[in-house]
Amino acid sequence: MVKKCVLVALIVFFIMILSGCGNNSRNLHGRWYRTFHSTGLEFRIEFFSDSTIVISLGGSSTTGTWSVDGNRVAIGGAFPTWAMGAGVFGTFYFDISGDTLTLENDRGNIISYTRIR
């Protein structure tokens, strides 16, 4: 009986791990925002399934591309100065917990966004 319970637990564990593999990019799809508290401006990013991204700040927007490799997302493009100043281009570790997206660059700087539903 104990062997059967352990076997079932292991099977469930591996199914949970495998179900998460390769689906990280789907979790990113959609619109995310954060507000700059110093200015009150809202910064938005939208990840599309065709690997394009739209980045908006106030009334300005620009497009780029994105790709996922495990728990890292690479965001690239010819972004204008305002987008580069917001620190959203490059390669980031990412984590999604509920409606919160956290991006962390290689220097340890962390930026959090909230999903727009």
Protein backbone atom coordinates (compact mmCIF):
# COMPACT_ATOMS: atom_id res chain seq x y z
CA MET A 1 0.00 0.00 0.00
CA VAL A 2 2.80 2.42 0.89
CA LYS A 3 4.66 1.60 -2.34
CA LYS A 4 1.48 2.30 -4.31
CA CYS A 5 1.00 5.70 -2.60
CA VAL A 6 4.63 6.65 -3.23
CA LEU A 7 4.32 5.63 -6.87
CA VAL A 8 1.13 7.68 -7.32
CA ALA A 9 2.78 10.69 -5.64
CA LEU A 10 5.80 10.43 -7.95
CA ILE A 11 3.60 10.18 -11.04
CA VAL A 12 1.61 13.26 -9.97
CA PHE A 13 4.86 15.13 -9.25
CA PHE A 14 6.32 14.39 -12.70
CA ILE A 15 3.07 15.28 -14.44
CA MET A 16 3.07 18.64 -12.65
CA ILE A 17 6.68 19.29 -13.69
CA LEU A 18 6.13 18.25 -17.30
CA SER A 19 2.92 20.26 -17.63
CA GLY A 20 4.91 23.40 -16.87
CA CYS A 21 7.64 22.71 -19.42
CA GLY A 22 7.39 24.73 -22.61
CA ASN A 23 4.36 26.71 -21.43
CA ASN A 24 6.23 29.66 -19.91
CA SER A 25 5.68 31.80 -22.99
CA ARG A 26 1.93 31.24 -22.83
CA ASN A 27 1.94 32.62 -19.30
CA LEU A 28 3.52 35.84 -20.56
CA HIS A 29 0.92 36.42 -23.29
CA GLY A 30 -1.23 39.44 -22.55
CA ARG A 31 -1.01 42.96 -21.19
CA TRP A 32 0.95 44.05 -18.12
CA TYR A 33 1.45 47.45 -16.49
CA ARG A 34 3.28 49.30 -13.78
CA THR A 35 2.96 52.88 -12.60
CA PHE A 36 5.98 55.13 -12.11
CA HIS A 37 5.23 56.60 -8.71
CA SER A 38 7.43 59.64 -9.27
CA THR A 39 5.48 60.74 -12.37
CA GLY A 40 2.23 58.81 -12.16
CA LEU A 41 2.75 57.60 -15.74
CA GLU A 42 1.61 54.12 -16.58
CA PHE A 43 4.04 51.86 -18.41
CA ARG A 44 2.49 48.96 -20.35
CA ILE A 45 3.91 45.94 -22.10
CA GLU A 46 1.93 43.49 -24.19
CA PHE A 47 3.29 40.10 -25.23
CA PHE A 48 1.71 38.61 -28.36
CA SER A 49 1.76 34.94 -29.40
CA ASP A 50 3.64 35.80 -32.62
CA SER A 51 6.67 36.86 -30.48
CA THR A 52 6.06 40.59 -30.91
CA ILE A 53 5.80 43.00 -28.02
CA VAL A 54 4.26 46.47 -27.75
CA ILE A 55 5.67 48.81 -25.13
CA SER A 56 3.72 51.95 -24.19
CA LEU A 57 4.34 54.91 -21.92
CA GLY A 58 1.78 57.67 -21.81
CA GLY A 59 0.78 58.34 -25.42
CA SER A 60 3.91 56.81 -26.98
CA SER A 61 4.37 53.20 -28.03
CA THR A 62 6.93 51.08 -29.82
CA THR A 63 7.25 47.46 -30.92
CA GLY A 64 9.88 44.78 -30.57
CA THR A 65 10.26 41.04 -30.24
CA TRP A 66 10.50 38.57 -27.39
CA SER A 67 11.45 34.95 -26.83
CA VAL A 68 11.51 32.58 -23.87
CA ASP A 69 14.15 30.05 -22.89
CA GLY A 70 13.16 28.30 -19.67
CA ASN A 71 12.65 31.00 -17.05
CA ARG A 72 14.38 33.73 -19.08
CA VAL A 73 12.76 36.14 -21.49
CA ALA A 74 14.74 38.13 -24.08
CA ILE A 75 13.17 41.41 -25.18
CA GLY A 76 14.72 43.21 -28.14
CA GLY A 77 14.16 45.84 -30.77
CA ALA A 78 15.15 49.32 -31.80
CA PHE A 79 13.55 51.02 -28.83
CA PRO A 80 13.42 54.81 -28.41
CA THR A 81 15.16 56.47 -25.46
CA TRP A 82 12.04 56.55 -23.27
CA ALA A 83 11.64 52.76 -23.55
CA MET A 84 15.33 52.10 -22.90
CA GLY A 85 15.16 54.34 -19.84
CA ALA A 86 12.36 52.18 -18.49
CA GLY A 87 14.75 49.22 -18.49
CA VAL A 88 12.54 46.76 -20.35
CA PHE A 89 14.95 45.58 -23.05
CA GLY A 90 17.50 42.81 -22.61
CA THR A 91 17.32 39.37 -21.06
CA PHE A 92 15.53 38.81 -17.77
CA TYR A 93 14.72 36.04 -15.38
CA PHE A 94 10.96 36.08 -15.02
CA ASP A 95 8.43 34.74 -12.59
CA ILE A 96 4.65 34.92 -12.70
CA SER A 97 2.70 34.60 -9.48
CA GLY A 98 -1.02 35.16 -9.85
CA ASP A 99 -1.37 38.47 -11.70
CA THR A 100 2.18 39.66 -10.96
CA LEU A 101 5.04 39.42 -13.45
CA THR A 102 8.51 39.94 -11.99
CA LEU A 103 11.48 40.62 -14.27
CA GLU A 104 15.03 40.48 -12.88
CA ASN A 105 18.08 41.44 -14.92
CA ASP A 106 21.56 39.98 -14.49
CA ARG A 107 22.50 42.82 -12.12
CA GLY A 108 19.68 41.88 -9.74
CA ASN A 109 17.40 44.83 -10.57
CA ILE A 110 13.78 43.78 -10.19
CA ILE A 111 10.72 45.28 -11.89
CA SER A 112 7.18 44.04 -11.19
CA TYR A 113 4.13 44.38 -13.43
CA THR A 114 0.44 43.63 -12.88
CA ARG A 115 -1.64 41.74 -15.44
CA ILE A 116 -4.40 43.73 -17.12
CA ARG A 117 -7.53 41.58 -17.29
